[in-house]
Amino acid sequence: MPGRARERTGRGMDGSTAAHWEAVWAAQDPEAVSWYQRDPAVSLSLILEAVPDHDAAIVDVGGGASMLVDRLLDTGYVDVTVLDLSQVALDHSQARLGERAGSVSWVHADVTIHRFDRVFDLWHDRAVLHFLVDPDDRARYREAASAAVRPGGHLVVATFALDGPERCSGLPVVRHGPGELTDLFAGAFEPVGFVGEVHVTPAGVPQPFQYGHFRRR
């Protein structure tokens, strides 16, 4: 069971990056950002396949204003944590969930430097990893995921595919295919499977995504 809802301010996060995302969320309706999904069907399907037990501990990295937390609660999961670099994004979800926000653990932090004080059965990330253009940041991300996922646990990560956009929200991105994801997580995680999705933005623009499902060694 999760503890009471909590907010932690990440220390050491890059000021310009954090400020960028706070500005993005302050300026836009959560349903208007390009990555918005009313129904995160692929993510939910992969999570249900990996951890069907509703007592499973799940962390959604970069899930600040995502609808995934709503769907997880609707499905019956009872141990859900949401981490995001933007407090404004987390505030959007907490306001949307109302009283149900109290059953979620909220973490305001930079995933590349934050270390959880617990382990999870599943780590989910849709659209954070591809913003880590610095190889050192990607290495720190891998270390964070490795530390946070229990042996035998799962990693579900989605980034822009190799034929996806080269920039998003005014920032460059790093695109991944199954091979690039496998290489990044080699040693700590073994691949289980891969799924492609063409996400259509609220503005009607198609964006190819690559999902990877990995198991912690």
N, C-alpha and C. Protein backbone atom coordinates (compact mmCIF):
# COMPACT_ATOMS: atom_id res chain seq x y z
N MET A 1 0.84 -1.20 0.00
CA MET A 1 0.00 0.00 0.00
C MET A 1 0.88 1.25 0.00
N PRO A 2 0.45 2.31 -0.68
CA PRO A 2 1.26 3.51 -0.71
C PRO A 2 1.15 4.28 0.58
N GLY A 3 2.15 5.09 0.86
CA GLY A 3 2.06 6.00 1.97
C GLY A 3 1.19 7.18 1.59
N ARG A 4 1.05 8.13 2.48
CA ARG A 4 0.24 9.30 2.16
C ARG A 4 0.90 10.09 1.04
N ALA A 5 0.09 10.83 0.32
CA ALA A 5 0.62 11.62 -0.79
C ALA A 5 1.70 12.57 -0.26
N ARG A 6 2.76 12.73 -1.03
CA ARG A 6 3.84 13.59 -0.58
C ARG A 6 4.43 14.34 -1.77
N GLU A 7 5.05 15.45 -1.51
CA GLU A 7 5.72 16.22 -2.54
C GLU A 7 7.15 16.43 -2.10
N ARG A 8 8.09 16.17 -3.00
CA ARG A 8 9.49 16.39 -2.69
C ARG A 8 10.07 17.33 -3.73
N THR A 9 10.79 18.30 -3.31
CA THR A 9 11.46 19.20 -4.26
C THR A 9 12.82 18.64 -4.59
N GLY A 10 13.04 18.35 -5.87
CA GLY A 10 14.33 17.82 -6.29
C GLY A 10 15.43 18.85 -6.09
N ARG A 11 16.59 18.39 -5.69
CA ARG A 11 17.74 19.28 -5.51
C ARG A 11 18.74 19.04 -6.63
N GLY A 12 19.35 20.08 -7.09
CA GLY A 12 20.40 19.94 -8.07
C GLY A 12 19.91 19.88 -9.50
N MET A 13 18.61 20.00 -9.74
CA MET A 13 18.11 19.95 -11.11
C MET A 13 18.56 21.19 -11.88
N ASP A 14 18.78 21.02 -13.17
CA ASP A 14 19.22 22.11 -14.03
C ASP A 14 18.16 23.20 -14.03
N GLY A 15 18.58 24.41 -13.64
CA GLY A 15 17.62 25.50 -13.49
C GLY A 15 16.92 25.87 -14.78
N SER A 16 17.66 25.91 -15.90
CA SER A 16 17.05 26.31 -17.16
C SER A 16 16.08 25.25 -17.66
N THR A 17 16.41 23.97 -17.47
CA THR A 17 15.52 22.90 -17.90
C THR A 17 14.24 22.91 -17.07
N ALA A 18 14.39 23.02 -15.77
CA ALA A 18 13.22 23.06 -14.91
C ALA A 18 12.34 24.26 -15.23
N ALA A 19 12.98 25.42 -15.46
CA ALA A 19 12.22 26.63 -15.78
C ALA A 19 11.48 26.47 -17.11
N HIS A 20 12.13 25.82 -18.08
CA HIS A 20 11.48 25.59 -19.37
C HIS A 20 10.17 24.83 -19.20
N TRP A 21 10.22 23.73 -18.44
CA TRP A 21 9.02 22.91 -18.30
C TRP A 21 7.96 23.57 -17.43
N GLU A 22 8.38 24.32 -16.43
CA GLU A 22 7.38 25.06 -15.65
C GLU A 22 6.67 26.06 -16.55
N ALA A 23 7.42 26.71 -17.45
CA ALA A 23 6.81 27.69 -18.36
C ALA A 23 5.87 27.00 -19.35
N VAL A 24 6.27 25.84 -19.85
CA VAL A 24 5.41 25.10 -20.78
C VAL A 24 4.07 24.78 -20.15
N TRP A 25 4.13 24.25 -18.94
CA TRP A 25 2.88 23.84 -18.28
C TRP A 25 2.06 25.03 -17.81
N ALA A 26 2.72 26.12 -17.44
CA ALA A 26 1.99 27.31 -17.01
C ALA A 26 1.28 27.98 -18.18
N ALA A 27 1.83 27.83 -19.39
CA ALA A 27 1.31 28.56 -20.55
C ALA A 27 0.26 27.78 -21.33
N GLN A 28 0.21 26.45 -21.16
CA GLN A 28 -0.65 25.64 -22.02
C GLN A 28 -1.66 24.83 -21.22
N ASP A 29 -2.80 24.62 -21.82
CA ASP A 29 -3.78 23.69 -21.29
C ASP A 29 -3.19 22.28 -21.37
N PRO A 30 -3.29 21.47 -20.31
CA PRO A 30 -2.73 20.12 -20.36
C PRO A 30 -3.25 19.28 -21.52
N GLU A 31 -4.46 19.59 -21.99
CA GLU A 31 -5.02 18.82 -23.09
C GLU A 31 -4.58 19.34 -24.46
N ALA A 32 -3.76 20.38 -24.47
CA ALA A 32 -3.30 20.97 -25.74
C ALA A 32 -1.85 20.65 -26.06
N VAL A 33 -1.09 20.14 -25.09
CA VAL A 33 0.32 19.84 -25.36
C VAL A 33 0.40 18.67 -26.33
N SER A 34 1.46 18.61 -27.12
CA SER A 34 1.53 17.65 -28.22
C SER A 34 1.50 16.20 -27.77
N TRP A 35 1.98 15.91 -26.57
CA TRP A 35 2.07 14.52 -26.11
C TRP A 35 0.81 14.07 -25.36
N TYR A 36 -0.20 14.92 -25.28
CA TYR A 36 -1.41 14.58 -24.51
C TYR A 36 -2.10 13.35 -25.09
N GLN A 37 -2.50 12.45 -24.21
CA GLN A 37 -3.31 11.29 -24.56
C GLN A 37 -4.48 11.18 -23.59
N ARG A 38 -5.68 11.26 -24.12
CA ARG A 38 -6.84 11.04 -23.25
C ARG A 38 -6.90 9.58 -22.80
N ASP A 39 -6.49 8.70 -23.71
CA ASP A 39 -6.53 7.27 -23.42
C ASP A 39 -5.14 6.67 -23.67
N PRO A 40 -4.31 6.55 -22.63
CA PRO A 40 -2.96 5.98 -22.80
C PRO A 40 -3.02 4.46 -22.93
N ALA A 41 -3.64 3.99 -23.99
CA ALA A 41 -3.99 2.57 -24.12
C ALA A 41 -2.76 1.66 -24.21
N VAL A 42 -1.74 2.07 -24.97
CA VAL A 42 -0.57 1.20 -25.12
C VAL A 42 0.16 1.07 -23.78
N SER A 43 0.36 2.17 -23.09
CA SER A 43 1.02 2.13 -21.78
C SER A 43 0.25 1.23 -20.82
N LEU A 44 -1.05 1.42 -20.75
CA LEU A 44 -1.85 0.64 -19.80
C LEU A 44 -1.83 -0.84 -20.15
N SER A 45 -1.88 -1.16 -21.44
CA SER A 45 -1.85 -2.55 -21.85
C SER A 45 -0.53 -3.22 -21.46
N LEU A 46 0.59 -2.53 -21.68
CA LEU A 46 1.89 -3.09 -21.32
C LEU A 46 2.03 -3.25 -19.81
N ILE A 47 1.50 -2.31 -19.05
CA ILE A 47 1.55 -2.39 -17.59
C ILE A 47 0.72 -3.57 -17.09
N LEU A 48 -0.49 -3.71 -17.63
CA LEU A 48 -1.36 -4.82 -17.21
C LEU A 48 -0.73 -6.16 -17.54
N GLU A 49 -0.05 -6.25 -18.66
CA GLU A 49 0.62 -7.49 -19.03
C GLU A 49 1.79 -7.79 -18.10
N ALA A 50 2.55 -6.75 -17.75
CA ALA A 50 3.75 -6.95 -16.94
C ALA A 50 3.44 -7.20 -15.47
N VAL A 51 2.49 -6.42 -14.92
CA VAL A 51 2.18 -6.52 -13.48
C VAL A 51 0.66 -6.57 -13.28
N PRO A 52 0.04 -7.72 -13.53
CA PRO A 52 -1.41 -7.82 -13.38
C PRO A 52 -1.90 -7.69 -11.94
N ASP A 53 -1.02 -7.93 -10.98
CA ASP A 53 -1.39 -7.81 -9.56
C ASP A 53 -1.60 -6.33 -9.23
N HIS A 54 -2.78 -5.98 -8.77
CA HIS A 54 -3.10 -4.58 -8.49
C HIS A 54 -2.38 -4.03 -7.27
N ASP A 55 -1.67 -4.88 -6.52
CA ASP A 55 -0.84 -4.40 -5.41
C ASP A 55 0.56 -4.02 -5.89
N ALA A 56 0.85 -4.21 -7.17
CA ALA A 56 2.17 -3.90 -7.70
C ALA A 56 2.50 -2.43 -7.52
N ALA A 57 3.76 -2.16 -7.18
CA ALA A 57 4.23 -0.78 -7.00
C ALA A 57 4.68 -0.24 -8.35
N ILE A 58 4.06 0.87 -8.78
CA ILE A 58 4.31 1.45 -10.09
C ILE A 58 4.76 2.89 -9.94
N VAL A 59 5.78 3.29 -10.69
CA VAL A 59 6.17 4.70 -10.75
C VAL A 59 6.05 5.16 -12.19
N ASP A 60 5.39 6.29 -12.39
CA ASP A 60 5.26 6.90 -13.70
C ASP A 60 6.19 8.11 -13.74
N VAL A 61 7.29 7.97 -14.46
CA VAL A 61 8.32 9.01 -14.53
C VAL A 61 7.95 10.02 -15.62
N GLY A 62 7.91 11.30 -15.25
CA GLY A 62 7.49 12.33 -16.18
C GLY A 62 6.00 12.33 -16.40
N GLY A 63 5.26 11.75 -15.48
CA GLY A 63 3.81 11.62 -15.64
C GLY A 63 3.01 12.76 -15.06
N GLY A 64 3.64 13.92 -14.89
CA GLY A 64 3.03 15.05 -14.21
C GLY A 64 1.56 15.28 -14.47
N ALA A 65 1.20 15.59 -15.71
CA ALA A 65 -0.20 15.88 -16.04
C ALA A 65 -0.83 14.78 -16.88
N SER A 66 -0.15 13.63 -16.98
CA SER A 66 -0.64 12.52 -17.78
C SER A 66 -1.92 11.93 -17.20
N MET A 67 -2.74 11.38 -18.09
CA MET A 67 -3.97 10.70 -17.67
C MET A 67 -3.69 9.27 -17.21
N LEU A 68 -2.44 8.80 -17.31
CA LEU A 68 -2.16 7.42 -16.95
C LEU A 68 -2.47 7.15 -15.48
N VAL A 69 -2.16 8.09 -14.61
CA VAL A 69 -2.44 7.86 -13.18
C VAL A 69 -3.92 7.64 -12.95
N ASP A 70 -4.79 8.37 -13.66
CA ASP A 70 -6.23 8.18 -13.53
C ASP A 70 -6.61 6.76 -13.94
N ARG A 71 -6.04 6.32 -15.07
CA ARG A 71 -6.39 4.99 -15.59
C ARG A 71 -5.89 3.89 -14.67
N LEU A 72 -4.71 4.09 -14.09
CA LEU A 72 -4.20 3.10 -13.15
C LEU A 72 -5.11 2.97 -11.93
N LEU A 73 -5.53 4.11 -11.40
CA LEU A 73 -6.44 4.08 -10.26
C LEU A 73 -7.78 3.47 -10.65
N ASP A 74 -8.29 3.82 -11.83
CA ASP A 74 -9.55 3.26 -12.31
C ASP A 74 -9.47 1.74 -12.43
N THR A 75 -8.30 1.25 -12.82
CA THR A 75 -8.11 -0.18 -13.02
C THR A 75 -8.00 -0.93 -11.71
N GLY A 76 -7.63 -0.21 -10.64
CA GLY A 76 -7.56 -0.84 -9.34
C GLY A 76 -6.19 -0.89 -8.70
N TYR A 77 -5.17 -0.29 -9.36
CA TYR A 77 -3.84 -0.26 -8.76
C TYR A 77 -3.85 0.67 -7.54
N VAL A 78 -3.17 0.23 -6.48
CA VAL A 78 -3.25 0.95 -5.21
C VAL A 78 -1.92 1.53 -4.75
N ASP A 79 -0.84 1.26 -5.49
CA ASP A 79 0.48 1.76 -5.07
C ASP A 79 1.12 2.47 -6.27
N VAL A 80 0.74 3.72 -6.46
CA VAL A 80 1.16 4.48 -7.64
C VAL A 80 1.93 5.73 -7.20
N THR A 81 3.08 5.94 -7.83
CA THR A 81 3.90 7.12 -7.61
C THR A 81 4.06 7.85 -8.94
N VAL A 82 3.99 9.18 -8.91
CA VAL A 82 4.19 9.99 -10.11
C VAL A 82 5.33 10.96 -9.83
N LEU A 83 6.33 10.94 -10.71
CA LEU A 83 7.47 11.87 -10.61
C LEU A 83 7.46 12.80 -11.81
N ASP A 84 7.75 14.08 -11.56
CA ASP A 84 7.88 15.03 -12.67
C ASP A 84 8.81 16.16 -12.26
N LEU A 85 9.47 16.73 -13.28
CA LEU A 85 10.35 17.88 -13.07
C LEU A 85 9.55 19.15 -12.83
N SER A 86 8.29 19.17 -13.27
CA SER A 86 7.45 20.36 -13.15
C SER A 86 6.41 20.22 -12.04
N GLN A 87 6.47 21.12 -11.08
CA GLN A 87 5.44 21.13 -10.04
C GLN A 87 4.09 21.55 -10.61
N VAL A 88 4.11 22.43 -11.61
CA VAL A 88 2.85 22.86 -12.23
C VAL A 88 2.14 21.67 -12.85
N ALA A 89 2.89 20.79 -13.52
CA ALA A 89 2.29 19.60 -14.11
C ALA A 89 1.69 18.70 -13.05
N LEU A 90 2.41 18.49 -11.96
CA LEU A 90 1.88 17.68 -10.86
C LEU A 90 0.62 18.31 -10.28
N ASP A 91 0.61 19.63 -10.18
CA ASP A 91 -0.57 20.32 -9.66
C ASP A 91 -1.80 20.08 -10.54
N HIS A 92 -1.59 20.04 -11.87
CA HIS A 92 -2.70 19.77 -12.78
C HIS A 92 -3.35 18.42 -12.46
N SER A 93 -2.52 17.40 -12.28
CA SER A 93 -3.07 16.06 -12.02
C SER A 93 -3.74 16.00 -10.65
N GLN A 94 -3.13 16.62 -9.66
CA GLN A 94 -3.72 16.59 -8.32
C GLN A 94 -5.08 17.28 -8.32
N ALA A 95 -5.18 18.40 -9.04
CA ALA A 95 -6.46 19.10 -9.11
C ALA A 95 -7.50 18.25 -9.85
N ARG A 96 -7.07 17.59 -10.92
CA ARG A 96 -7.99 16.77 -11.71
C ARG A 96 -8.51 15.58 -10.91
N LEU A 97 -7.62 14.97 -10.12
CA LEU A 97 -8.00 13.79 -9.36
C LEU A 97 -8.81 14.12 -8.12
N GLY A 98 -8.69 15.32 -7.61
CA GLY A 98 -9.44 15.69 -6.41
C GLY A 98 -9.04 14.84 -5.22
N GLU A 99 -10.01 14.27 -4.52
CA GLU A 99 -9.73 13.48 -3.32
C GLU A 99 -8.85 12.27 -3.62
N ARG A 100 -8.95 11.76 -4.84
CA ARG A 100 -8.16 10.57 -5.18
C ARG A 100 -6.66 10.87 -5.23
N ALA A 101 -6.28 12.14 -5.33
CA ALA A 101 -4.86 12.48 -5.35
C ALA A 101 -4.17 12.06 -4.06
N GLY A 102 -4.93 11.95 -2.98
CA GLY A 102 -4.36 11.56 -1.71
C GLY A 102 -3.89 10.11 -1.66
N SER A 103 -4.28 9.30 -2.64
CA SER A 103 -3.85 7.90 -2.67
C SER A 103 -2.63 7.69 -3.55
N VAL A 104 -2.09 8.79 -4.08
CA VAL A 104 -0.93 8.73 -4.97
C VAL A 104 0.25 9.40 -4.28
N SER A 105 1.45 8.88 -4.51
CA SER A 105 2.67 9.53 -4.02
C SER A 105 3.21 10.44 -5.12
N TRP A 106 3.41 11.71 -4.82
CA TRP A 106 3.83 12.71 -5.81
C TRP A 106 5.26 13.13 -5.51
N VAL A 107 6.11 13.09 -6.51
CA VAL A 107 7.53 13.41 -6.34
C VAL A 107 7.93 14.49 -7.34
N HIS A 108 8.34 15.64 -6.85
CA HIS A 108 8.82 16.73 -7.70
C HIS A 108 10.34 16.66 -7.72
N ALA A 109 10.90 16.17 -8.82
CA ALA A 109 12.34 15.93 -8.86
C ALA A 109 12.82 15.71 -10.28
N ASP A 110 14.12 15.78 -10.45
CA ASP A 110 14.81 15.47 -11.70
C ASP A 110 15.16 13.98 -11.67
N VAL A 111 14.62 13.22 -12.61
CA VAL A 111 14.79 11.77 -12.58
C VAL A 111 16.26 11.37 -12.71
N THR A 112 17.10 12.20 -13.32
CA THR A 112 18.49 11.82 -13.52
C THR A 112 19.31 11.89 -12.24
N ILE A 113 18.80 12.57 -11.22
CA ILE A 113 19.56 12.66 -9.97
C ILE A 113 18.80 12.15 -8.76
N HIS A 114 17.48 11.99 -8.90
CA HIS A 114 16.67 11.55 -7.76
C HIS A 114 16.90 10.07 -7.48
N ARG A 115 16.96 9.71 -6.22
CA ARG A 115 17.01 8.32 -5.82
C ARG A 115 15.87 8.05 -4.85
N PHE A 116 15.04 7.11 -5.21
CA PHE A 116 13.90 6.75 -4.37
C PHE A 116 14.36 6.00 -3.13
N ASP A 117 13.54 6.08 -2.08
CA ASP A 117 13.86 5.36 -0.86
C ASP A 117 13.14 4.01 -0.81
N ARG A 118 12.75 3.52 -1.97
CA ARG A 118 12.06 2.24 -2.08
C ARG A 118 12.30 1.68 -3.47
N VAL A 119 11.81 0.47 -3.72
CA VAL A 119 11.91 -0.12 -5.06
C VAL A 119 10.50 -0.33 -5.60
N PHE A 120 10.43 -0.48 -6.92
CA PHE A 120 9.15 -0.62 -7.62
C PHE A 120 9.12 -1.90 -8.43
N ASP A 121 7.90 -2.36 -8.67
CA ASP A 121 7.71 -3.51 -9.56
C ASP A 121 7.74 -3.09 -11.02
N LEU A 122 7.40 -1.83 -11.29
CA LEU A 122 7.39 -1.35 -12.67
C LEU A 122 7.69 0.14 -12.73
N TRP A 123 8.57 0.48 -13.65
CA TRP A 123 8.93 1.87 -13.97
C TRP A 123 8.36 2.18 -15.33
N HIS A 124 7.55 3.23 -15.45
CA HIS A 124 6.97 3.63 -16.73
C HIS A 124 7.43 5.03 -17.08
N ASP A 125 7.77 5.22 -18.35
CA ASP A 125 8.16 6.54 -18.84
C ASP A 125 7.69 6.67 -20.28
N ARG A 126 6.86 7.64 -20.54
CA ARG A 126 6.50 7.99 -21.91
C ARG A 126 6.91 9.43 -22.14
N ALA A 127 7.96 9.61 -22.97
CA ALA A 127 8.37 10.93 -23.47
C ALA A 127 9.23 11.73 -22.51
N VAL A 128 9.99 11.06 -21.64
CA VAL A 128 11.04 11.74 -20.89
C VAL A 128 12.41 11.41 -21.47
N LEU A 129 12.67 10.12 -21.65
CA LEU A 129 14.00 9.69 -22.07
C LEU A 129 14.48 10.38 -23.33
N HIS A 130 13.57 10.62 -24.30
CA HIS A 130 14.06 11.18 -25.55
C HIS A 130 14.52 12.64 -25.43
N PHE A 131 14.20 13.30 -24.32
CA PHE A 131 14.71 14.66 -24.10
C PHE A 131 16.13 14.66 -23.53
N LEU A 132 16.64 13.51 -23.15
CA LEU A 132 17.98 13.44 -22.55
C LEU A 132 19.01 13.28 -23.67
N VAL A 133 19.39 14.40 -24.25
CA VAL A 133 20.30 14.37 -25.41
C VAL A 133 21.76 14.18 -25.00
N ASP A 134 22.08 14.47 -23.75
CA ASP A 134 23.44 14.28 -23.25
C ASP A 134 23.62 12.81 -22.85
N PRO A 135 24.61 12.11 -23.41
CA PRO A 135 24.82 10.71 -23.04
C PRO A 135 24.99 10.50 -21.54
N ASP A 136 25.59 11.46 -20.85
CA ASP A 136 25.76 11.33 -19.40
C ASP A 136 24.41 11.33 -18.70
N ASP A 137 23.47 12.15 -19.19
CA ASP A 137 22.14 12.15 -18.60
C ASP A 137 21.43 10.82 -18.84
N ARG A 138 21.61 10.25 -20.03
CA ARG A 138 20.99 8.95 -20.30
C ARG A 138 21.61 7.87 -19.40
N ALA A 139 22.90 7.96 -19.16
CA ALA A 139 23.55 7.00 -18.26
C ALA A 139 23.01 7.14 -16.84
N ARG A 140 22.81 8.37 -16.40
CA ARG A 140 22.26 8.59 -15.06
C ARG A 140 20.80 8.09 -14.98
N TYR A 141 20.07 8.27 -16.07
CA TYR A 141 18.70 7.75 -16.12
C TYR A 141 18.71 6.23 -15.96
N ARG A 142 19.60 5.56 -16.70
CA ARG A 142 19.69 4.11 -16.60
C ARG A 142 20.04 3.69 -15.17
N GLU A 143 20.96 4.41 -14.55
CA GLU A 143 21.34 4.09 -13.17
C GLU A 143 20.17 4.28 -12.22
N ALA A 144 19.39 5.34 -12.43
CA ALA A 144 18.23 5.60 -11.57
C ALA A 144 17.20 4.49 -11.71
N ALA A 145 16.93 4.08 -12.96
CA ALA A 145 15.96 3.01 -13.18
C ALA A 145 16.47 1.69 -12.59
N SER A 146 17.74 1.42 -12.76
CA SER A 146 18.32 0.19 -12.24
C SER A 146 18.21 0.11 -10.72
N ALA A 147 18.40 1.26 -10.07
CA ALA A 147 18.32 1.29 -8.61
C ALA A 147 16.88 1.19 -8.11
N ALA A 148 15.93 1.67 -8.92
CA ALA A 148 14.55 1.77 -8.45
C ALA A 148 13.70 0.55 -8.75
N VAL A 149 14.10 -0.27 -9.72
CA VAL A 149 13.31 -1.44 -10.10
C VAL A 149 13.90 -2.69 -9.45
N ARG A 150 13.06 -3.44 -8.79
CA ARG A 150 13.52 -4.65 -8.11
C ARG A 150 13.97 -5.70 -9.13
N PRO A 151 14.86 -6.61 -8.74
CA PRO A 151 15.20 -7.71 -9.64
C PRO A 151 13.95 -8.46 -10.07
N GLY A 152 13.81 -8.69 -11.35
CA GLY A 152 12.63 -9.33 -11.89
C GLY A 152 11.51 -8.36 -12.20
N GLY A 153 11.69 -7.10 -11.82
CA GLY A 153 10.70 -6.08 -12.10
C GLY A 153 10.78 -5.61 -13.54
N HIS A 154 9.98 -4.61 -13.88
CA HIS A 154 9.79 -4.23 -15.27
C HIS A 154 10.06 -2.76 -15.53
N LEU A 155 10.52 -2.49 -16.75
CA LEU A 155 10.72 -1.14 -17.26
C LEU A 155 9.92 -1.02 -18.55
N VAL A 156 9.02 -0.06 -18.61
CA VAL A 156 8.26 0.23 -19.83
C VAL A 156 8.59 1.67 -20.20
N VAL A 157 9.24 1.85 -21.35
CA VAL A 157 9.70 3.18 -21.74
C VAL A 157 9.30 3.45 -23.18
N ALA A 158 8.84 4.67 -23.45
CA ALA A 158 8.42 5.06 -24.79
C ALA A 158 9.13 6.36 -25.17
N THR A 159 9.75 6.35 -26.35
CA THR A 159 10.42 7.54 -26.87
C THR A 159 9.97 7.75 -28.32
N PHE A 160 10.34 8.88 -28.91
CA PHE A 160 10.14 9.03 -30.33
C PHE A 160 10.91 7.93 -31.07
N ALA A 161 10.27 7.34 -32.06
CA ALA A 161 10.90 6.30 -32.87
C ALA A 161 11.94 6.91 -33.80
N LEU A 162 12.66 6.06 -34.49
CA LEU A 162 13.73 6.54 -35.37
C LEU A 162 13.20 7.45 -36.48
N ASP A 163 11.95 7.28 -36.87
CA ASP A 163 11.35 8.16 -37.87
C ASP A 163 10.43 9.20 -37.24
N GLY A 164 10.60 9.43 -35.93
CA GLY A 164 9.80 10.41 -35.23
C GLY A 164 10.39 11.81 -35.34
N PRO A 165 9.77 12.78 -34.65
CA PRO A 165 10.26 14.17 -34.70
C PRO A 165 11.68 14.30 -34.16
N GLU A 166 12.37 15.29 -34.66
CA GLU A 166 13.73 15.58 -34.19
C GLU A 166 13.74 16.62 -33.07
N ARG A 167 12.61 17.30 -32.89
CA ARG A 167 12.48 18.29 -31.83
C ARG A 167 11.08 18.19 -31.24
N CYS A 168 10.95 18.64 -30.01
CA CYS A 168 9.64 18.68 -29.36
C CYS A 168 9.66 19.77 -28.29
N SER A 169 8.61 20.54 -28.23
CA SER A 169 8.49 21.61 -27.24
C SER A 169 9.70 22.55 -27.29
N GLY A 170 10.23 22.78 -28.50
CA GLY A 170 11.34 23.69 -28.65
C GLY A 170 12.70 23.11 -28.29
N LEU A 171 12.75 21.82 -27.99
CA LEU A 171 14.00 21.19 -27.57
C LEU A 171 14.37 20.05 -28.52
N PRO A 172 15.67 19.79 -28.70
CA PRO A 172 16.09 18.63 -29.49
C PRO A 172 15.80 17.34 -28.72
N VAL A 173 15.65 16.25 -29.45
CA VAL A 173 15.42 14.96 -28.83
C VAL A 173 16.36 13.92 -29.42
N VAL A 174 16.45 12.78 -28.75
CA VAL A 174 17.18 11.62 -29.24
C VAL A 174 16.16 10.53 -29.53
N ARG A 175 16.13 10.07 -30.78
CA ARG A 175 15.16 9.06 -31.18
C ARG A 175 15.75 7.65 -30.97
N HIS A 176 14.85 6.69 -30.71
CA HIS A 176 15.29 5.33 -30.41
C HIS A 176 14.47 4.30 -31.18
N GLY A 177 15.14 3.24 -31.58
CA GLY A 177 14.49 2.03 -32.04
C GLY A 177 14.75 0.93 -31.04
N PRO A 178 14.27 -0.28 -31.30
CA PRO A 178 14.52 -1.39 -30.37
C PRO A 178 16.01 -1.60 -30.07
N GLY A 179 16.86 -1.48 -31.08
CA GLY A 179 18.29 -1.68 -30.86
C GLY A 179 18.90 -0.65 -29.95
N GLU A 180 18.53 0.61 -30.16
CA GLU A 180 19.08 1.69 -29.32
C GLU A 180 18.63 1.55 -27.87
N LEU A 181 17.37 1.19 -27.67
CA LEU A 181 16.88 1.00 -26.31
C LEU A 181 17.56 -0.20 -25.64
N THR A 182 17.70 -1.29 -26.39
CA THR A 182 18.36 -2.48 -25.84
C THR A 182 19.80 -2.16 -25.44
N ASP A 183 20.51 -1.43 -26.29
CA ASP A 183 21.90 -1.07 -25.98
C ASP A 183 21.98 -0.18 -24.74
N LEU A 184 21.04 0.76 -24.63
CA LEU A 184 21.07 1.68 -23.50
C LEU A 184 20.91 0.95 -22.17
N PHE A 185 20.01 -0.03 -22.13
CA PHE A 185 19.71 -0.68 -20.86
C PHE A 185 20.42 -2.02 -20.68
N ALA A 186 21.32 -2.36 -21.61
CA ALA A 186 22.04 -3.63 -21.54
C ALA A 186 22.80 -3.75 -20.23
N GLY A 187 22.81 -4.95 -19.69
CA GLY A 187 23.51 -5.20 -18.44
C GLY A 187 22.58 -5.19 -17.25
N ALA A 188 21.67 -4.23 -17.22
CA ALA A 188 20.73 -4.12 -16.11
C ALA A 188 19.35 -4.70 -16.45
N PHE A 189 18.96 -4.56 -17.73
CA PHE A 189 17.63 -5.01 -18.15
C PHE A 189 17.73 -5.86 -19.41
N GLU A 190 16.87 -6.85 -19.52
CA GLU A 190 16.79 -7.66 -20.73
C GLU A 190 15.48 -7.36 -21.45
N PRO A 191 15.50 -7.29 -22.79
CA PRO A 191 14.28 -6.94 -23.51
C PRO A 191 13.24 -8.04 -23.45
N VAL A 192 11.98 -7.63 -23.32
CA VAL A 192 10.84 -8.54 -23.35
C VAL A 192 10.10 -8.40 -24.68
N GLY A 193 9.92 -7.15 -25.13
CA GLY A 193 9.23 -6.92 -26.39
C GLY A 193 9.16 -5.44 -26.72
N PHE A 194 8.74 -5.16 -27.95
CA PHE A 194 8.68 -3.78 -28.44
C PHE A 194 7.37 -3.56 -29.19
N VAL A 195 6.84 -2.35 -29.06
CA VAL A 195 5.58 -1.98 -29.70
C VAL A 195 5.74 -0.59 -30.30
N GLY A 196 5.30 -0.42 -31.54
CA GLY A 196 5.28 0.90 -32.14
C GLY A 196 3.89 1.51 -32.06
N GLU A 197 3.83 2.83 -32.00
CA GLU A 197 2.55 3.54 -31.98
C GLU A 197 2.71 4.86 -32.73
N VAL A 198 1.74 5.21 -33.53
CA VAL A 198 1.71 6.54 -34.13
C VAL A 198 0.73 7.37 -33.32
N HIS A 199 1.30 8.25 -32.52
CA HIS A 199 0.49 9.15 -31.70
C HIS A 199 0.08 10.35 -32.53
N VAL A 200 -1.20 10.69 -32.50
CA VAL A 200 -1.69 11.88 -33.20
C VAL A 200 -1.89 12.98 -32.17
N THR A 201 -1.19 14.08 -32.33
CA THR A 201 -1.24 15.17 -31.37
C THR A 201 -2.61 15.85 -31.40
N PRO A 202 -2.94 16.65 -30.39
CA PRO A 202 -4.20 17.40 -30.42
C PRO A 202 -4.34 18.29 -31.66
N ALA A 203 -3.21 18.67 -32.26
CA ALA A 203 -3.25 19.48 -33.48
C ALA A 203 -3.36 18.63 -34.74
N GLY A 204 -3.40 17.30 -34.57
CA GLY A 204 -3.56 16.41 -35.71
C GLY A 204 -2.28 15.98 -36.39
N VAL A 205 -1.14 16.16 -35.72
CA VAL A 205 0.16 15.80 -36.31
C VAL A 205 0.55 14.39 -35.86
N PRO A 206 0.87 13.48 -36.79
CA PRO A 206 1.29 12.13 -36.39
C PRO A 206 2.72 12.11 -35.88
N GLN A 207 2.96 11.38 -34.79
CA GLN A 207 4.28 11.25 -34.19
C GLN A 207 4.56 9.78 -33.90
N PRO A 208 5.48 9.15 -34.62
CA PRO A 208 5.81 7.75 -34.33
C PRO A 208 6.56 7.60 -33.00
N PHE A 209 6.07 6.70 -32.16
CA PHE A 209 6.70 6.37 -30.88
C PHE A 209 7.17 4.93 -30.90
N GLN A 210 8.23 4.66 -30.15
CA GLN A 210 8.72 3.32 -29.92
C GLN A 210 8.62 2.98 -28.44
N TYR A 211 7.89 1.92 -28.12
CA TYR A 211 7.77 1.43 -26.75
C TYR A 211 8.68 0.23 -26.58
N GLY A 212 9.36 0.16 -25.45
CA GLY A 212 10.15 -0.99 -25.11
C GLY A 212 9.77 -1.51 -23.75
N HIS A 213 9.65 -2.83 -23.63
CA HIS A 213 9.35 -3.47 -22.35
C HIS A 213 10.57 -4.32 -21.97
N PHE A 214 11.12 -4.06 -20.79
CA PHE A 214 12.32 -4.73 -20.32
C PHE A 214 12.09 -5.33 -18.94
N ARG A 215 12.85 -6.35 -18.63
CA ARG A 215 12.80 -6.96 -17.29
C ARG A 215 14.15 -6.76 -16.61
N ARG A 216 14.09 -6.39 -15.33
CA ARG A 216 15.32 -6.17 -14.55
C ARG A 216 16.01 -7.50 -14.30
N ARG A 217 17.31 -7.53 -14.57
CA ARG A 217 18.08 -8.75 -14.37
C ARG A 217 18.28 -9.03 -12.89
